[in-house]
Each structure stands twice: as C-alpha cells, then as structure tokens.
Amino acid sequence: MLNYILILLGIITSALAQVMLKKSSEFSFFKEYNFFIFFILGGLFYIISFGLYAYILKIFDISKISPVMTIGVMVIVVASGILFFKETLSLIQSVGIILGVISIILILK
C-alpha cells in the first residue's frame, strides 16, 4: 500500500511542478513577486518528484512504472489545464486521455 502512495505522490508532485511553472508564466518574467513564488515552487516540486521517482524505480520495474507515472502526470496536468487555465480539449484528445487511463489499469493488473 505504501508503494502505491509513493507512486501517487510522485505523480502529484510532478504535475504540481508543471502547473506551478505554467502559473509563473502569467506574471512578468523576473519583474513580479508572484513569478518568483510560483517559479520556485515549481522547482521544489520537480526536485521532490525526481527524488520520489528515483526511489520508486528501486521498487518497481521501469517498464511498468514509467508509463503509469507518465500517463498519471498527463491526466492531472490536463485536468489542471481545464480547471485552472480554462484550456479546452478536442474529442480526439479526450479519447487519448481515456485510453491512457485504461492503459494504466491494464499495466497495473
């Protein structure tokens, strides 16, 4: 159970890093205080994510865990883009995400 919590934390921290960097891009580059906050948070989440990923690779086969984490991050980042940044998805992109979730289920069985 702890191993799956680590995977979830790795996915969440990697997705948060990307969302924080996207958020930092809404502010003037190196001119606004909020830019630095989100930029630094993005970097910190990437460092945490990297450490978790390195540890997770010791526990699981890379052929199974890498696709699971990549697709998991993709799903969270896409959902964040829709919810927080008002981005849109096409039908084809939606089908791709659904297929990605199905692939995670199949890989973990």
N, C-alpha and C. Protein backbone atom coordinates (compact mmCIF):
# COMPACT_ATOMS: atom_id res chain seq x y z
N MET A 1 0.82 -1.20 0.00
CA MET A 1 0.00 0.00 0.00
C MET A 1 0.86 1.27 0.00
N LEU A 2 1.93 1.24 0.81
CA LEU A 2 2.83 2.39 0.88
C LEU A 2 3.47 2.67 -0.49
N ASN A 3 3.76 1.61 -1.23
CA ASN A 3 4.37 1.79 -2.55
C ASN A 3 3.44 2.56 -3.49
N TYR A 4 2.15 2.25 -3.41
CA TYR A 4 1.19 2.94 -4.28
C TYR A 4 0.98 4.40 -3.85
N ILE A 5 1.11 4.66 -2.56
CA ILE A 5 1.05 6.04 -2.07
C ILE A 5 2.25 6.82 -2.60
N LEU A 6 3.42 6.18 -2.63
CA LEU A 6 4.62 6.83 -3.18
C LEU A 6 4.43 7.15 -4.66
N ILE A 7 3.83 6.22 -5.40
CA ILE A 7 3.57 6.47 -6.82
C ILE A 7 2.65 7.67 -6.97
N LEU A 8 1.58 7.70 -6.19
CA LEU A 8 0.63 8.81 -6.25
C LEU A 8 1.31 10.14 -5.90
N LEU A 9 2.15 10.13 -4.87
CA LEU A 9 2.89 11.34 -4.51
C LEU A 9 3.84 11.78 -5.62
N GLY A 10 4.48 10.82 -6.25
CA GLY A 10 5.37 11.14 -7.37
C GLY A 10 4.62 11.77 -8.52
N ILE A 11 3.46 11.23 -8.82
CA ILE A 11 2.63 11.77 -9.90
C ILE A 11 2.15 13.17 -9.55
N ILE A 12 1.67 13.35 -8.33
CA ILE A 12 1.13 14.65 -7.91
C ILE A 12 2.21 15.72 -7.89
N THR A 13 3.39 15.39 -7.35
CA THR A 13 4.45 16.40 -7.28
C THR A 13 4.95 16.79 -8.67
N SER A 14 5.03 15.84 -9.57
CA SER A 14 5.45 16.16 -10.93
C SER A 14 4.41 17.04 -11.63
N ALA A 15 3.15 16.71 -11.44
CA ALA A 15 2.08 17.52 -12.05
C ALA A 15 2.05 18.92 -11.43
N LEU A 16 2.21 19.00 -10.11
CA LEU A 16 2.23 20.31 -9.45
C LEU A 16 3.38 21.18 -9.95
N ALA A 17 4.52 20.56 -10.21
CA ALA A 17 5.67 21.31 -10.73
C ALA A 17 5.30 21.96 -12.06
N GLN A 18 4.66 21.21 -12.94
CA GLN A 18 4.29 21.75 -14.24
C GLN A 18 3.23 22.85 -14.12
N VAL A 19 2.27 22.64 -13.23
CA VAL A 19 1.21 23.63 -13.03
C VAL A 19 1.80 24.92 -12.45
N MET A 20 2.73 24.79 -11.50
CA MET A 20 3.34 25.99 -10.90
C MET A 20 4.15 26.77 -11.94
N LEU A 21 4.87 26.07 -12.80
CA LEU A 21 5.62 26.77 -13.84
C LEU A 21 4.69 27.44 -14.84
N LYS A 22 3.58 26.80 -15.17
CA LYS A 22 2.59 27.42 -16.06
C LYS A 22 2.03 28.67 -15.40
N LYS A 23 1.72 28.58 -14.10
CA LYS A 23 1.18 29.72 -13.37
C LYS A 23 2.20 30.86 -13.32
N SER A 24 3.47 30.53 -13.17
CA SER A 24 4.50 31.58 -13.12
C SER A 24 4.58 32.33 -14.44
N SER A 25 4.21 31.68 -15.53
CA SER A 25 4.29 32.33 -16.84
C SER A 25 3.22 33.41 -17.01
N GLU A 26 2.26 33.48 -16.10
CA GLU A 26 1.23 34.51 -16.18
C GLU A 26 1.73 35.86 -15.68
N PHE A 27 2.90 35.89 -15.06
CA PHE A 27 3.44 37.10 -14.48
C PHE A 27 4.67 37.55 -15.28
N SER A 28 5.00 38.83 -15.15
CA SER A 28 6.16 39.37 -15.86
C SER A 28 7.43 38.65 -15.43
N PHE A 29 8.19 38.24 -16.41
CA PHE A 29 9.42 37.48 -16.19
C PHE A 29 10.40 38.29 -15.36
N PHE A 30 10.73 37.81 -14.17
CA PHE A 30 11.68 38.42 -13.24
C PHE A 30 11.29 39.81 -12.75
N LYS A 31 10.03 40.24 -12.98
CA LYS A 31 9.65 41.58 -12.55
C LYS A 31 8.61 41.56 -11.43
N GLU A 32 7.86 40.49 -11.32
CA GLU A 32 6.81 40.43 -10.31
C GLU A 32 7.14 39.40 -9.25
N TYR A 33 6.73 39.71 -8.03
CA TYR A 33 6.97 38.84 -6.88
C TYR A 33 6.31 37.47 -7.09
N ASN A 34 5.10 37.44 -7.62
CA ASN A 34 4.38 36.18 -7.82
C ASN A 34 5.10 35.26 -8.80
N PHE A 35 5.79 35.83 -9.77
CA PHE A 35 6.57 35.00 -10.69
C PHE A 35 7.56 34.14 -9.91
N PHE A 36 8.30 34.78 -8.99
CA PHE A 36 9.32 34.07 -8.22
C PHE A 36 8.70 32.98 -7.34
N ILE A 37 7.57 33.29 -6.72
CA ILE A 37 6.92 32.32 -5.84
C ILE A 37 6.56 31.05 -6.62
N PHE A 38 5.84 31.21 -7.73
CA PHE A 38 5.42 30.04 -8.49
C PHE A 38 6.59 29.34 -9.18
N PHE A 39 7.57 30.11 -9.62
CA PHE A 39 8.75 29.53 -10.26
C PHE A 39 9.54 28.67 -9.27
N ILE A 40 9.75 29.19 -8.07
CA ILE A 40 10.49 28.45 -7.04
C ILE A 40 9.69 27.22 -6.59
N LEU A 41 8.37 27.39 -6.41
CA LEU A 41 7.54 26.24 -6.05
C LEU A 41 7.62 25.14 -7.12
N GLY A 42 7.59 25.54 -8.38
CA GLY A 42 7.73 24.58 -9.47
C GLY A 42 9.04 23.82 -9.39
N GLY A 43 10.12 24.54 -9.13
CA GLY A 43 11.42 23.89 -9.00
C GLY A 43 11.48 22.95 -7.81
N LEU A 44 10.92 23.36 -6.68
CA LEU A 44 10.91 22.50 -5.50
C LEU A 44 10.11 21.23 -5.74
N PHE A 45 8.95 21.37 -6.39
CA PHE A 45 8.16 20.18 -6.69
C PHE A 45 8.89 19.25 -7.66
N TYR A 46 9.64 19.81 -8.61
CA TYR A 46 10.43 18.97 -9.51
C TYR A 46 11.52 18.20 -8.75
N ILE A 47 12.16 18.85 -7.80
CA ILE A 47 13.19 18.19 -7.00
C ILE A 47 12.59 17.04 -6.19
N ILE A 48 11.45 17.31 -5.54
CA ILE A 48 10.77 16.26 -4.77
C ILE A 48 10.35 15.12 -5.68
N SER A 49 9.78 15.48 -6.83
CA SER A 49 9.33 14.48 -7.80
C SER A 49 10.49 13.62 -8.28
N PHE A 50 11.62 14.23 -8.55
CA PHE A 50 12.79 13.50 -9.01
C PHE A 50 13.26 12.49 -7.96
N GLY A 51 13.31 12.92 -6.71
CA GLY A 51 13.71 12.03 -5.63
C GLY A 51 12.75 10.87 -5.46
N LEU A 52 11.45 11.17 -5.51
CA LEU A 52 10.46 10.10 -5.40
C LEU A 52 10.57 9.12 -6.57
N TYR A 53 10.74 9.65 -7.76
CA TYR A 53 10.84 8.80 -8.95
C TYR A 53 12.06 7.88 -8.85
N ALA A 54 13.18 8.43 -8.40
CA ALA A 54 14.39 7.61 -8.25
C ALA A 54 14.16 6.48 -7.25
N TYR A 55 13.46 6.79 -6.16
CA TYR A 55 13.18 5.76 -5.17
C TYR A 55 12.17 4.74 -5.70
N ILE A 56 11.16 5.20 -6.40
CA ILE A 56 10.13 4.31 -6.95
C ILE A 56 10.75 3.34 -7.96
N LEU A 57 11.74 3.80 -8.72
CA LEU A 57 12.41 2.92 -9.69
C LEU A 57 13.14 1.76 -9.01
N LYS A 58 13.51 1.93 -7.73
CA LYS A 58 14.14 0.84 -6.99
C LYS A 58 13.13 -0.24 -6.63
N ILE A 59 11.86 0.13 -6.54
CA ILE A 59 10.82 -0.79 -6.08
C ILE A 59 10.14 -1.51 -7.23
N PHE A 60 9.87 -0.79 -8.34
CA PHE A 60 9.08 -1.33 -9.44
C PHE A 60 9.93 -1.49 -10.70
N ASP A 61 9.45 -2.32 -11.62
CA ASP A 61 10.08 -2.46 -12.93
C ASP A 61 9.87 -1.17 -13.72
N ILE A 62 10.91 -0.70 -14.36
CA ILE A 62 10.82 0.54 -15.13
C ILE A 62 9.82 0.41 -16.28
N SER A 63 9.69 -0.80 -16.83
CA SER A 63 8.77 -0.99 -17.95
C SER A 63 7.32 -0.85 -17.54
N LYS A 64 7.03 -0.97 -16.25
CA LYS A 64 5.66 -0.80 -15.77
C LYS A 64 5.44 0.57 -15.16
N ILE A 65 6.38 1.02 -14.36
CA ILE A 65 6.14 2.24 -13.59
C ILE A 65 6.29 3.51 -14.43
N SER A 66 7.19 3.51 -15.39
CA SER A 66 7.38 4.72 -16.20
C SER A 66 6.13 5.10 -16.98
N PRO A 67 5.48 4.18 -17.69
CA PRO A 67 4.24 4.57 -18.37
C PRO A 67 3.13 4.98 -17.41
N VAL A 68 3.04 4.30 -16.28
CA VAL A 68 2.00 4.63 -15.30
C VAL A 68 2.19 6.06 -14.79
N MET A 69 3.41 6.39 -14.43
CA MET A 69 3.66 7.74 -13.90
C MET A 69 3.51 8.80 -14.98
N THR A 70 3.98 8.52 -16.17
CA THR A 70 3.87 9.49 -17.26
C THR A 70 2.41 9.79 -17.59
N ILE A 71 1.61 8.75 -17.71
CA ILE A 71 0.20 8.94 -18.04
C ILE A 71 -0.54 9.56 -16.87
N GLY A 72 -0.19 9.17 -15.64
CA GLY A 72 -0.80 9.77 -14.46
C GLY A 72 -0.56 11.27 -14.40
N VAL A 73 0.68 11.68 -14.65
CA VAL A 73 1.01 13.10 -14.68
C VAL A 73 0.23 13.80 -15.79
N MET A 74 0.16 13.17 -16.95
CA MET A 74 -0.56 13.75 -18.08
C MET A 74 -2.02 14.01 -17.72
N VAL A 75 -2.67 13.04 -17.09
CA VAL A 75 -4.08 13.18 -16.73
C VAL A 75 -4.28 14.34 -15.76
N ILE A 76 -3.44 14.44 -14.75
CA ILE A 76 -3.58 15.53 -13.77
C ILE A 76 -3.27 16.88 -14.39
N VAL A 77 -2.26 16.95 -15.23
CA VAL A 77 -1.91 18.22 -15.88
C VAL A 77 -3.03 18.67 -16.82
N VAL A 78 -3.60 17.75 -17.57
CA VAL A 78 -4.70 18.09 -18.48
C VAL A 78 -5.90 18.58 -17.67
N ALA A 79 -6.23 17.87 -16.59
CA ALA A 79 -7.35 18.29 -15.74
C ALA A 79 -7.09 19.66 -15.13
N SER A 80 -5.86 19.92 -14.72
CA SER A 80 -5.50 21.23 -14.17
C SER A 80 -5.60 22.32 -15.23
N GLY A 81 -5.18 22.01 -16.44
CA GLY A 81 -5.29 22.98 -17.53
C GLY A 81 -6.73 23.36 -17.80
N ILE A 82 -7.60 22.39 -17.74
CA ILE A 82 -9.03 22.66 -17.98
C ILE A 82 -9.62 23.45 -16.82
N LEU A 83 -9.33 23.03 -15.58
CA LEU A 83 -9.93 23.65 -14.40
C LEU A 83 -9.37 25.03 -14.07
N PHE A 84 -8.05 25.17 -14.12
CA PHE A 84 -7.43 26.40 -13.65
C PHE A 84 -7.05 27.39 -14.74
N PHE A 85 -6.79 26.89 -15.93
CA PHE A 85 -6.32 27.76 -17.00
C PHE A 85 -7.32 27.88 -18.15
N LYS A 86 -8.49 27.28 -17.97
CA LYS A 86 -9.59 27.37 -18.95
C LYS A 86 -9.19 26.88 -20.33
N GLU A 87 -8.35 25.86 -20.38
CA GLU A 87 -7.96 25.27 -21.66
C GLU A 87 -9.06 24.31 -22.12
N THR A 88 -9.06 23.99 -23.39
CA THR A 88 -10.09 23.10 -23.93
C THR A 88 -9.44 21.86 -24.54
N LEU A 89 -10.25 20.81 -24.68
CA LEU A 89 -9.79 19.57 -25.29
C LEU A 89 -10.66 19.24 -26.48
N SER A 90 -10.05 18.67 -27.49
CA SER A 90 -10.82 18.16 -28.62
C SER A 90 -11.33 16.77 -28.28
N LEU A 91 -12.18 16.25 -29.11
CA LEU A 91 -12.70 14.90 -28.92
C LEU A 91 -11.58 13.87 -28.99
N ILE A 92 -10.69 14.04 -29.94
CA ILE A 92 -9.55 13.12 -30.10
C ILE A 92 -8.67 13.14 -28.85
N GLN A 93 -8.40 14.32 -28.31
CA GLN A 93 -7.59 14.41 -27.10
C GLN A 93 -8.27 13.75 -25.92
N SER A 94 -9.57 13.91 -25.82
CA SER A 94 -10.34 13.26 -24.74
C SER A 94 -10.27 11.75 -24.86
N VAL A 95 -10.39 11.23 -26.07
CA VAL A 95 -10.28 9.78 -26.29
C VAL A 95 -8.88 9.31 -25.90
N GLY A 96 -7.86 10.07 -26.24
CA GLY A 96 -6.49 9.71 -25.88
C GLY A 96 -6.30 9.62 -24.38
N ILE A 97 -6.88 10.53 -23.64
CA ILE A 97 -6.78 10.51 -22.18
C ILE A 97 -7.50 9.29 -21.61
N ILE A 98 -8.67 8.99 -22.13
CA ILE A 98 -9.41 7.81 -21.68
C ILE A 98 -8.60 6.55 -21.95
N LEU A 99 -8.00 6.46 -23.13
CA LEU A 99 -7.16 5.30 -23.46
C LEU A 99 -5.95 5.23 -22.53
N GLY A 100 -5.40 6.38 -22.17
CA GLY A 100 -4.28 6.41 -21.23
C GLY A 100 -4.66 5.85 -19.87
N VAL A 101 -5.84 6.24 -19.38
CA VAL A 101 -6.31 5.72 -18.09
C VAL A 101 -6.54 4.21 -18.17
N ILE A 102 -7.11 3.76 -19.27
CA ILE A 102 -7.30 2.32 -19.46
C ILE A 102 -5.96 1.60 -19.47
N SER A 103 -4.95 2.21 -20.10
CA SER A 103 -3.63 1.56 -20.14
C SER A 103 -3.01 1.46 -18.76
N ILE A 104 -3.22 2.46 -17.90
CA ILE A 104 -2.72 2.38 -16.53
C ILE A 104 -3.36 1.19 -15.81
N ILE A 105 -4.66 1.06 -15.97
CA ILE A 105 -5.38 -0.06 -15.33
C ILE A 105 -4.84 -1.40 -15.81
N LEU A 106 -4.62 -1.51 -17.13
CA LEU A 106 -4.11 -2.77 -17.68
C LEU A 106 -2.68 -3.06 -17.24
N ILE A 107 -1.85 -2.05 -17.17
CA ILE A 107 -0.45 -2.25 -16.77
C ILE A 107 -0.36 -2.68 -15.31
N LEU A 108 -1.19 -2.11 -14.45
CA LEU A 108 -1.11 -2.42 -13.01
C LEU A 108 -1.77 -3.74 -12.63
N LYS A 109 -2.49 -4.37 -13.56
CA LYS A 109 -3.13 -5.67 -13.24
C LYS A 109 -2.14 -6.80 -13.37
